[in-house]
Amino acid sequence: MLSALAVCTIVVVGVMVGVEFSVAFVINPILNGLPDDSNQQGRAHGGRMLGALMPFWYFGSLALSALWAILAWDRPGSGLVVLGAGLLVASVVMSILLLVPINNRGKTWTPENRPADWKEQMSRWDRYHYARVAVIVAAFALLVAALV
């Protein structure tokens, strides 16, 4: 049972890391290469789509890792699971405090109503997102190491 939970947690967190890595290093660079209207509309659409999905994924990953930490408390590697879960908590806090406010604004913008500083706001979102990706990659690595 515990092994199945560990594998499930690692898969869920790993796929989340892959999606967020792809946003940072593939999708947004592609969008940034498009004309401003297409770039902004693509980011707005991505913000709506992923903004609806990612809260469940982040909280689900956190819940799975917390459950794993509780059930494996007295086993080798449990400290790594706790640290990984702690980093997932940090990623959720980062998301709520830094990224979600920008995303909530950006997903409503159109070429007609976007603010003059929209590119600066998207650049700030990107920087915060790079940091969040580093945090969740570290969490993923700790969870994998706990299983080894």
C-alpha atoms as a PDB file:
ATOM      1  CA  MET A   1       0.000   0.000   0.000  1.00  0.00           C
ATOM      2  CA  LEU A   2       2.720   2.465   0.983  1.00  0.00           C
ATOM      3  CA  SER A   3       4.753   1.661  -2.136  1.00  0.00           C
ATOM      4  CA  ALA A   4       1.717   2.276  -4.334  1.00  0.00           C
ATOM      5  CA  LEU A   5       1.111   5.622  -2.617  1.00  0.00           C
ATOM      6  CA  ALA A   6       4.772   6.581  -3.079  1.00  0.00           C
ATOM      7  CA  VAL A   7       4.736   5.698  -6.774  1.00  0.00           C
ATOM      8  CA  CYS A   8       1.422   7.497  -7.311  1.00  0.00           C
ATOM      9  CA  THR A   9       2.754  10.589  -5.542  1.00  0.00           C
ATOM     10  CA  ILE A  10       5.943  10.588  -7.590  1.00  0.00           C
ATOM     11  CA  VAL A  11       4.025  10.214 -10.847  1.00  0.00           C
ATOM     12  CA  VAL A  12       1.564  13.011 -10.010  1.00  0.00           C
ATOM     13  CA  VAL A  13       4.320  15.371  -8.839  1.00  0.00           C
ATOM     14  CA  GLY A  14       6.564  14.399 -11.744  1.00  0.00           C
ATOM     15  CA  VAL A  15       3.940  15.120 -14.374  1.00  0.00           C
ATOM     16  CA  MET A  16       3.171  18.454 -12.669  1.00  0.00           C
ATOM     17  CA  VAL A  17       6.872  19.310 -12.766  1.00  0.00           C
ATOM     18  CA  GLY A  18       6.953  18.420 -16.465  1.00  0.00           C
ATOM     19  CA  VAL A  19       4.005  20.672 -17.260  1.00  0.00           C
ATOM     20  CA  GLU A  20       5.436  23.598 -15.298  1.00  0.00           C
ATOM     21  CA  PHE A  21       8.912  23.070 -16.800  1.00  0.00           C
ATOM     22  CA  SER A  22       7.327  23.053 -20.261  1.00  0.00           C
ATOM     23  CA  VAL A  23       5.465  26.301 -19.548  1.00  0.00           C
ATOM     24  CA  ALA A  24       8.692  27.966 -18.402  1.00  0.00           C
ATOM     25  CA  PHE A  25      11.088  26.710 -21.042  1.00  0.00           C
ATOM     26  CA  VAL A  26       8.938  25.814 -24.073  1.00  0.00           C
ATOM     27  CA  ILE A  27       5.453  27.379 -24.156  1.00  0.00           C
ATOM     28  CA  ASN A  28       6.220  30.896 -22.915  1.00  0.00           C
ATOM     29  CA  PRO A  29       9.357  31.267 -25.076  1.00  0.00           C
ATOM     30  CA  ILE A  30       7.240  30.239 -28.093  1.00  0.00           C
ATOM     31  CA  LEU A  31       4.556  32.775 -27.145  1.00  0.00           C
ATOM     32  CA  ASN A  32       7.191  35.460 -26.604  1.00  0.00           C
ATOM     33  CA  GLY A  33       8.330  34.960 -30.208  1.00  0.00           C
ATOM     34  CA  LEU A  34       4.874  35.798 -31.551  1.00  0.00           C
ATOM     35  CA  PRO A  35       3.490  39.263 -32.294  1.00  0.00           C
ATOM     36  CA  ASP A  36       2.252  41.090 -29.192  1.00  0.00           C
ATOM     37  CA  ASP A  37      -1.460  40.412 -29.749  1.00  0.00           C
ATOM     38  CA  SER A  38      -0.911  36.670 -30.254  1.00  0.00           C
ATOM     39  CA  ASN A  39       1.564  36.489 -27.346  1.00  0.00           C
ATOM     40  CA  GLN A  40      -0.830  38.212 -24.973  1.00  0.00           C
ATOM     41  CA  GLN A  41      -3.869  36.227 -26.136  1.00  0.00           C
ATOM     42  CA  GLY A  42      -1.942  32.941 -25.818  1.00  0.00           C
ATOM     43  CA  ARG A  43      -0.837  33.810 -22.309  1.00  0.00           C
ATOM     44  CA  ALA A  44      -4.386  34.832 -21.358  1.00  0.00           C
ATOM     45  CA  HIS A  45      -5.768  31.549 -22.700  1.00  0.00           C
ATOM     46  CA  GLY A  46      -3.038  29.555 -20.949  1.00  0.00           C
ATOM     47  CA  GLY A  47      -3.731  31.461 -17.743  1.00  0.00           C
ATOM     48  CA  ARG A  48      -7.401  30.554 -17.903  1.00  0.00           C
ATOM     49  CA  MET A  49      -6.808  26.923 -18.812  1.00  0.00           C
ATOM     50  CA  LEU A  50      -3.935  26.113 -16.468  1.00  0.00           C
ATOM     51  CA  GLY A  51      -5.251  28.488 -13.809  1.00  0.00           C
ATOM     52  CA  ALA A  52      -8.321  26.267 -13.533  1.00  0.00           C
ATOM     53  CA  LEU A  53      -6.331  23.000 -13.416  1.00  0.00           C
ATOM     54  CA  MET A  54      -3.174  23.712 -11.458  1.00  0.00           C
ATOM     55  CA  PRO A  55      -4.723  24.423  -8.023  1.00  0.00           C
ATOM     56  CA  PHE A  56      -6.088  20.868  -7.943  1.00  0.00           C
ATOM     57  CA  TRP A  57      -2.746  19.504  -9.110  1.00  0.00           C
ATOM     58  CA  TYR A  58      -0.695  21.464  -6.571  1.00  0.00           C
ATOM     59  CA  PHE A  59      -2.995  20.705  -3.647  1.00  0.00           C
ATOM     60  CA  GLY A  60      -3.385  17.096  -4.788  1.00  0.00           C
ATOM     61  CA  SER A  61       0.406  16.680  -4.950  1.00  0.00           C
ATOM     62  CA  LEU A  62       0.727  18.231  -1.524  1.00  0.00           C
ATOM     63  CA  ALA A  63      -2.002  15.988  -0.078  1.00  0.00           C
ATOM     64  CA  LEU A  64      -0.420  12.843  -1.528  1.00  0.00           C
ATOM     65  CA  SER A  65       3.033  13.746  -0.235  1.00  0.00           C
ATOM     66  CA  ALA A  66       1.650  14.665   3.194  1.00  0.00           C
ATOM     67  CA  LEU A  67      -0.201  11.347   3.396  1.00  0.00           C
ATOM     68  CA  TRP A  68       2.966   9.519   2.356  1.00  0.00           C
ATOM     69  CA  ALA A  69       4.941  11.389   5.036  1.00  0.00           C
ATOM     70  CA  ILE A  70       2.403  10.486   7.723  1.00  0.00           C
ATOM     71  CA  LEU A  71       2.175   6.820   6.777  1.00  0.00           C
ATOM     72  CA  ALA A  72       5.958   6.426   6.401  1.00  0.00           C
ATOM     73  CA  TRP A  73       6.886   8.463   9.470  1.00  0.00           C
ATOM     74  CA  ASP A  74       8.920   5.679  11.114  1.00  0.00           C
ATOM     75  CA  ARG A  75      10.557   4.371   7.918  1.00  0.00           C
ATOM     76  CA  PRO A  76      13.827   5.203   6.213  1.00  0.00           C
ATOM     77  CA  GLY A  77      13.499   8.120   3.821  1.00  0.00           C
ATOM     78  CA  SER A  78      10.586   9.705   5.631  1.00  0.00           C
ATOM     79  CA  GLY A  79      12.625  12.833   6.294  1.00  0.00           C
ATOM     80  CA  LEU A  80      13.074  13.291   2.557  1.00  0.00           C
ATOM     81  CA  VAL A  81       9.317  12.960   2.049  1.00  0.00           C
ATOM     82  CA  VAL A  82       8.697  15.573   4.747  1.00  0.00           C
ATOM     83  CA  LEU A  83      11.206  17.935   3.111  1.00  0.00           C
ATOM     84  CA  GLY A  84       9.635  17.334  -0.294  1.00  0.00           C
ATOM     85  CA  ALA A  85       6.181  18.032   1.114  1.00  0.00           C
ATOM     86  CA  GLY A  86       7.550  21.173   2.750  1.00  0.00           C
ATOM     87  CA  LEU A  87       8.827  22.390  -0.603  1.00  0.00           C
ATOM     88  CA  LEU A  88       5.421  21.706  -2.121  1.00  0.00           C
ATOM     89  CA  VAL A  89       3.913  23.853   0.644  1.00  0.00           C
ATOM     90  CA  ALA A  90       6.386  26.591  -0.303  1.00  0.00           C
ATOM     91  CA  SER A  91       5.350  26.275  -3.965  1.00  0.00           C
ATOM     92  CA  VAL A  92       1.682  26.678  -3.046  1.00  0.00           C
ATOM     93  CA  VAL A  93       2.472  29.755  -0.931  1.00  0.00           C
ATOM     94  CA  MET A  94       4.559  31.204  -3.776  1.00  0.00           C
ATOM     95  CA  SER A  95       1.713  30.547  -6.183  1.00  0.00           C
ATOM     96  CA  ILE A  96      -0.935  32.187  -4.022  1.00  0.00           C
ATOM     97  CA  LEU A  97       1.132  35.222  -3.050  1.00  0.00           C
ATOM     98  CA  LEU A  98       3.130  35.893  -6.218  1.00  0.00           C
ATOM     99  CA  LEU A  99       1.848  34.164  -9.328  1.00  0.00           C
ATOM    100  CA  VAL A 100      -1.938  33.913  -8.965  1.00  0.00           C
ATOM    101  CA  PRO A 101      -2.524  37.682  -8.625  1.00  0.00           C
ATOM    102  CA  ILE A 102      -0.656  38.335 -11.884  1.00  0.00           C
ATOM    103  CA  ASN A 103      -2.339  35.381 -13.589  1.00  0.00           C
ATOM    104  CA  ASN A 104      -5.788  36.546 -12.478  1.00  0.00           C
ATOM    105  CA  ARG A 105      -5.174  39.921 -14.107  1.00  0.00           C
ATOM    106  CA  GLY A 106      -3.547  38.529 -17.240  1.00  0.00           C
ATOM    107  CA  LYS A 107      -6.225  35.984 -18.046  1.00  0.00           C
ATOM    108  CA  THR A 108      -8.791  38.774 -18.492  1.00  0.00           C
ATOM    109  CA  TRP A 109      -6.700  40.899 -20.854  1.00  0.00           C
ATOM    110  CA  THR A 110      -7.410  41.350 -24.515  1.00  0.00           C
ATOM    111  CA  PRO A 111      -5.482  43.428 -27.043  1.00  0.00           C
ATOM    112  CA  GLU A 112      -8.046  46.172 -26.425  1.00  0.00           C
ATOM    113  CA  ASN A 113      -7.910  46.299 -22.607  1.00  0.00           C
ATOM    114  CA  ARG A 114      -4.415  45.148 -21.624  1.00  0.00           C
ATOM    115  CA  PRO A 115      -2.401  47.621 -19.566  1.00  0.00           C
ATOM    116  CA  ALA A 116       0.630  49.378 -21.001  1.00  0.00           C
ATOM    117  CA  ASP A 117       2.930  47.399 -18.686  1.00  0.00           C
ATOM    118  CA  TRP A 118       1.529  43.950 -19.582  1.00  0.00           C
ATOM    119  CA  LYS A 119       4.909  42.712 -20.835  1.00  0.00           C
ATOM    120  CA  GLU A 120       6.580  43.765 -17.582  1.00  0.00           C
ATOM    121  CA  GLN A 121       3.910  41.945 -15.583  1.00  0.00           C
ATOM    122  CA  MET A 122       4.353  38.799 -17.695  1.00  0.00           C
ATOM    123  CA  SER A 123       8.124  39.051 -17.265  1.00  0.00           C
ATOM    124  CA  ARG A 124       7.653  39.267 -13.493  1.00  0.00           C
ATOM    125  CA  TRP A 125       5.343  36.237 -13.626  1.00  0.00           C
ATOM    126  CA  ASP A 126       7.999  34.356 -15.610  1.00  0.00           C
ATOM    127  CA  ARG A 127      10.699  35.123 -13.015  1.00  0.00           C
ATOM    128  CA  TYR A 128       8.482  33.948 -10.161  1.00  0.00           C
ATOM    129  CA  HIS A 129       7.572  30.880 -12.192  1.00  0.00           C
ATOM    130  CA  TYR A 130      11.251  29.980 -12.746  1.00  0.00           C
ATOM    131  CA  ALA A 131      11.735  30.064  -8.978  1.00  0.00           C
ATOM    132  CA  ARG A 132       8.633  27.942  -8.424  1.00  0.00           C
ATOM    133  CA  VAL A 133       9.836  25.410 -10.998  1.00  0.00           C
ATOM    134  CA  ALA A 134      13.152  25.144  -9.128  1.00  0.00           C
ATOM    135  CA  VAL A 135      11.255  24.516  -5.878  1.00  0.00           C
ATOM    136  CA  ILE A 136       9.016  21.795  -7.318  1.00  0.00           C
ATOM    137  CA  VAL A 137      11.937  20.129  -9.123  1.00  0.00           C
ATOM    138  CA  ALA A 138      13.729  19.964  -5.774  1.00  0.00           C
ATOM    139  CA  ALA A 139      10.572  18.552  -4.127  1.00  0.00           C
ATOM    140  CA  PHE A 140      10.309  15.936  -6.861  1.00  0.00           C
ATOM    141  CA  ALA A 141      13.968  14.957  -6.472  1.00  0.00           C
ATOM    142  CA  LEU A 142      13.523  14.527  -2.698  1.00  0.00           C
ATOM    143  CA  LEU A 143      10.444  12.354  -3.184  1.00  0.00           C
ATOM    144  CA  VAL A 144      12.251  10.172  -5.717  1.00  0.00           C
ATOM    145  CA  ALA A 145      15.284   9.916  -3.403  1.00  0.00           C
ATOM    146  CA  ALA A 146      12.993   8.816  -0.556  1.00  0.00           C
ATOM    147  CA  LEU A 147      11.815   5.863  -2.612  1.00  0.00           C
ATOM    148  CA  VAL A 148      15.318   4.729  -3.595  1.00  0.00           C
END
